[in-house]
Amino acid sequence: YYPNFSFMPNIPREIAIIGAGKMGTVHARTMEKLWIRVHVGDVSEAALERLAKNVPNAVLYRLNLEWNNKLPPEIPTMIVSNTPEHMKNILERIAQWAREIFSEKPLGLDLSQTQKILNAAQENNVALHTGFLMRFSPAIEALRGFMEENNLIITRASINWWKDRTQDTRPSAWALQDEAIHGADLLF
């Protein structure tokens, strides 16, 4: 059952998520708790099956790596939670038909990629959002304050967010960028 939210017209009634991994599942579960119908697309059948166990009412779509099939275009609000090597292609493509996009990952791995994505969003009048959630971590805030008070800068860093990557089946050249971007606020 999905209630009528006519008294709150700005809340979407449906949302599409690209990426059925850990963060995609978190987003889907959260949206479903808010009575928002969730459509989830991923290239991995196994990821979709895992998500379905946690979000049983989600509508699932098997996508392909060329992104020439898509979630229903009548759903204008998108969350993108995917690996960095696919972000640019996904964001540029959905910016042609989505009206609002939240990118859980950084928009691009370099300035050129980011600019292309921003241009696609601007050309199509898409509201584009990205989240750097680690920015609000009490530990990161304390470290930034300490660095500013003592005029310290980072010249070398080793980043570990204490994720168990031993079972990760996607080791790629993008793993460093995937994790390191969360520490971007520490760089001056």
Protein backbone atom coordinates (compact mmCIF):
# COMPACT_ATOMS: atom_id res chain seq x y z
CA TYR A 1 0.00 0.00 0.00
CA TYR A 2 1.29 3.44 -0.95
CA PRO A 3 -0.69 6.28 0.63
CA ASN A 4 -1.82 9.39 -1.22
CA PHE A 5 0.64 12.20 -0.49
CA SER A 6 -1.45 14.93 -2.13
CA PHE A 7 -0.97 17.06 1.00
CA MET A 8 2.82 16.93 0.37
CA PRO A 9 3.17 17.42 -3.41
CA ASN A 10 6.98 17.67 -3.49
CA ILE A 11 7.60 14.14 -2.22
CA PRO A 12 8.14 11.76 -5.15
CA ARG A 13 5.80 8.79 -5.24
CA GLU A 14 8.32 6.70 -7.13
CA ILE A 15 12.09 6.77 -7.32
CA ALA A 16 14.59 4.86 -9.43
CA ILE A 17 17.95 3.67 -8.15
CA ILE A 18 20.83 2.51 -10.33
CA GLY A 19 23.02 0.19 -8.31
CA ALA A 20 21.82 -2.67 -6.11
CA GLY A 21 24.95 -2.96 -3.94
CA LYS A 22 25.25 -2.02 -0.28
CA MET A 23 24.47 1.68 -0.67
CA GLY A 24 21.78 1.06 -3.29
CA THR A 25 20.10 -1.30 -0.84
CA VAL A 26 20.36 1.29 1.95
CA HIS A 27 18.74 3.92 -0.28
CA ALA A 28 16.02 1.50 -1.44
CA ARG A 29 15.17 0.42 2.11
CA THR A 30 15.01 4.04 3.26
CA MET A 31 12.76 5.11 0.38
CA GLU A 32 10.43 2.17 0.94
CA LYS A 33 10.08 3.11 4.63
CA LEU A 34 8.98 6.55 3.42
CA TRP A 35 6.20 4.90 1.34
CA ILE A 36 7.98 5.65 -1.92
CA ARG A 37 7.76 2.94 -4.59
CA VAL A 38 11.31 1.89 -5.49
CA HIS A 39 12.56 0.79 -8.93
CA VAL A 40 16.13 -0.60 -8.90
CA GLY A 41 18.35 -1.38 -11.86
CA ASP A 42 21.71 -3.13 -11.90
CA VAL A 43 23.88 -5.16 -14.27
CA SER A 44 24.28 -7.88 -11.65
CA GLU A 45 21.48 -10.41 -11.25
CA ALA A 46 23.02 -11.54 -7.95
CA ALA A 47 23.00 -7.96 -6.57
CA LEU A 48 19.34 -7.58 -7.55
CA GLU A 49 18.47 -10.87 -5.83
CA ARG A 50 20.25 -9.78 -2.62
CA LEU A 51 18.44 -6.43 -2.68
CA ALA A 52 15.08 -8.16 -3.23
CA LYS A 53 15.54 -10.05 0.05
CA ASN A 54 15.92 -6.73 1.93
CA VAL A 55 13.45 -4.66 -0.09
CA PRO A 56 10.74 -7.12 -1.14
CA ASN A 57 8.46 -4.55 -2.81
CA ALA A 58 11.17 -3.13 -5.10
CA VAL A 59 10.60 -3.37 -8.85
CA LEU A 60 13.82 -4.79 -10.34
CA TYR A 61 15.44 -4.17 -13.74
CA ARG A 62 18.40 -6.02 -15.20
CA LEU A 63 20.53 -3.45 -17.03
CA ASN A 64 23.45 -3.97 -19.40
CA LEU A 65 26.87 -2.33 -19.36
CA GLU A 66 26.15 -0.25 -22.46
CA TRP A 67 23.22 1.38 -20.59
CA ASN A 68 21.13 1.23 -23.76
CA ASN A 69 18.26 -0.18 -21.75
CA LYS A 70 16.99 1.90 -18.88
CA LEU A 71 14.59 2.23 -16.05
CA PRO A 72 11.20 3.66 -16.99
CA PRO A 73 11.71 7.28 -18.14
CA GLU A 74 8.45 8.30 -16.50
CA ILE A 75 10.30 8.14 -13.16
CA PRO A 76 12.15 11.47 -13.11
CA THR A 77 13.89 11.14 -9.73
CA MET A 78 17.05 9.01 -9.69
CA ILE A 79 19.63 7.89 -7.15
CA VAL A 80 22.89 6.62 -8.61
CA SER A 81 24.95 4.35 -6.38
CA ASN A 82 27.51 2.63 -8.53
CA THR A 83 31.21 2.03 -9.03
CA PRO A 84 33.41 4.91 -10.21
CA GLU A 85 34.28 3.30 -13.54
CA HIS A 86 30.60 3.42 -14.55
CA MET A 87 29.51 6.72 -13.01
CA LYS A 88 30.35 9.00 -15.94
CA ASN A 89 28.43 6.87 -18.48
CA ILE A 90 25.45 6.43 -16.19
CA LEU A 91 25.18 10.08 -15.19
CA GLU A 92 25.62 11.44 -18.71
CA ARG A 93 22.99 9.05 -20.06
CA ILE A 94 20.30 9.54 -17.42
CA ALA A 95 20.81 13.33 -17.46
CA GLN A 96 19.05 13.17 -20.84
CA TRP A 97 15.74 12.04 -19.32
CA ALA A 98 15.83 12.35 -15.51
CA ARG A 99 14.70 15.58 -13.86
CA GLU A 100 16.53 15.16 -10.56
CA ILE A 101 19.61 13.03 -9.81
CA PHE A 102 21.36 12.29 -6.53
CA SER A 103 24.79 10.77 -7.06
CA GLU A 104 25.94 8.82 -4.01
CA LYS A 105 29.47 8.76 -5.39
CA PRO A 106 31.49 11.72 -6.66
CA LEU A 107 30.38 12.97 -10.05
CA GLY A 108 33.68 12.25 -11.79
CA LEU A 109 37.17 11.02 -11.08
CA ASP A 110 38.75 14.07 -12.66
CA LEU A 111 37.79 17.58 -13.69
CA SER A 112 37.15 16.62 -17.32
CA GLN A 113 34.66 13.87 -16.42
CA THR A 114 32.95 16.07 -13.88
CA GLN A 115 32.59 18.92 -16.36
CA LYS A 116 30.99 16.64 -18.97
CA ILE A 117 28.45 15.44 -16.43
CA LEU A 118 27.70 18.99 -15.28
CA ASN A 119 27.28 20.10 -18.90
CA ALA A 120 24.83 17.24 -19.62
CA ALA A 121 22.80 18.15 -16.54
CA GLN A 122 22.77 21.84 -17.39
CA GLU A 123 21.81 21.26 -21.03
CA ASN A 124 18.86 19.14 -19.93
CA ASN A 125 17.83 21.30 -16.95
CA VAL A 126 18.48 18.49 -14.45
CA ALA A 127 18.87 19.16 -10.73
CA LEU A 128 22.08 17.30 -9.89
CA HIS A 129 23.17 16.54 -6.31
CA THR A 130 26.12 14.66 -4.89
CA GLY A 131 26.86 13.61 -1.36
CA PHE A 132 30.06 13.60 0.62
CA LEU A 133 28.71 12.01 3.78
CA MET A 134 32.10 11.60 5.44
CA ARG A 135 32.28 15.40 5.59
CA PHE A 136 29.88 15.24 8.52
CA SER A 137 31.65 12.49 10.43
CA PRO A 138 32.58 13.75 13.92
CA ALA A 139 36.07 12.27 13.48
CA ILE A 140 36.61 14.09 10.18
CA GLU A 141 35.25 17.35 11.61
CA ALA A 142 37.56 17.07 14.63
CA LEU A 143 40.57 16.30 12.43
CA ARG A 144 39.83 19.26 10.13
CA GLY A 145 39.52 21.57 13.14
CA PHE A 146 42.81 20.30 14.59
CA MET A 147 44.55 20.73 11.23
CA GLU A 148 43.24 24.29 10.80
CA GLU A 149 44.11 25.33 14.38
CA ASN A 150 47.66 24.02 14.01
CA ASN A 151 48.24 25.06 10.38
CA LEU A 152 48.75 21.44 9.33
CA ILE A 153 48.41 20.02 5.84
CA ILE A 154 48.39 16.44 4.61
CA THR A 155 51.33 15.56 2.40
CA ARG A 156 50.91 11.79 2.48
CA ALA A 157 48.02 9.61 3.58
CA SER A 158 46.90 6.04 3.93
CA ILE A 159 43.14 5.64 3.84
CA ASN A 160 41.24 2.77 5.45
CA TRP A 161 37.55 3.13 6.25
CA TRP A 162 37.56 -0.27 7.98
CA LYS A 163 35.56 -2.01 5.31
CA ASP A 164 36.04 -5.71 4.97
CA ARG A 165 37.18 -6.04 1.36
CA THR A 166 38.29 -9.66 1.66
CA GLN A 167 35.08 -10.89 0.00
CA ASP A 168 34.99 -8.10 -2.59
CA THR A 169 34.64 -9.65 -6.03
CA ARG A 170 35.20 -6.39 -7.87
CA PRO A 171 38.80 -5.48 -7.18
CA SER A 172 39.56 -2.91 -9.80
CA ALA A 173 41.83 -0.03 -10.55
CA TRP A 174 39.03 2.17 -9.24
CA ALA A 175 39.11 0.90 -5.65
CA LEU A 176 41.47 3.67 -4.52
CA GLN A 177 39.32 6.40 -6.04
CA ASP A 178 36.19 4.75 -4.68
CA GLU A 179 37.44 5.02 -1.10
CA ALA A 180 39.85 7.95 -1.27
CA ILE A 181 37.24 10.42 -2.47
CA HIS A 182 35.69 10.31 1.00
CA GLY A 183 38.86 11.94 2.36
CA ALA A 184 38.77 14.80 -0.15
CA ASP A 185 37.68 17.30 2.48
CA LEU A 186 40.95 16.79 4.31
CA LEU A 187 42.98 18.05 1.37
CA PHE A 188 43.64 21.76 1.20
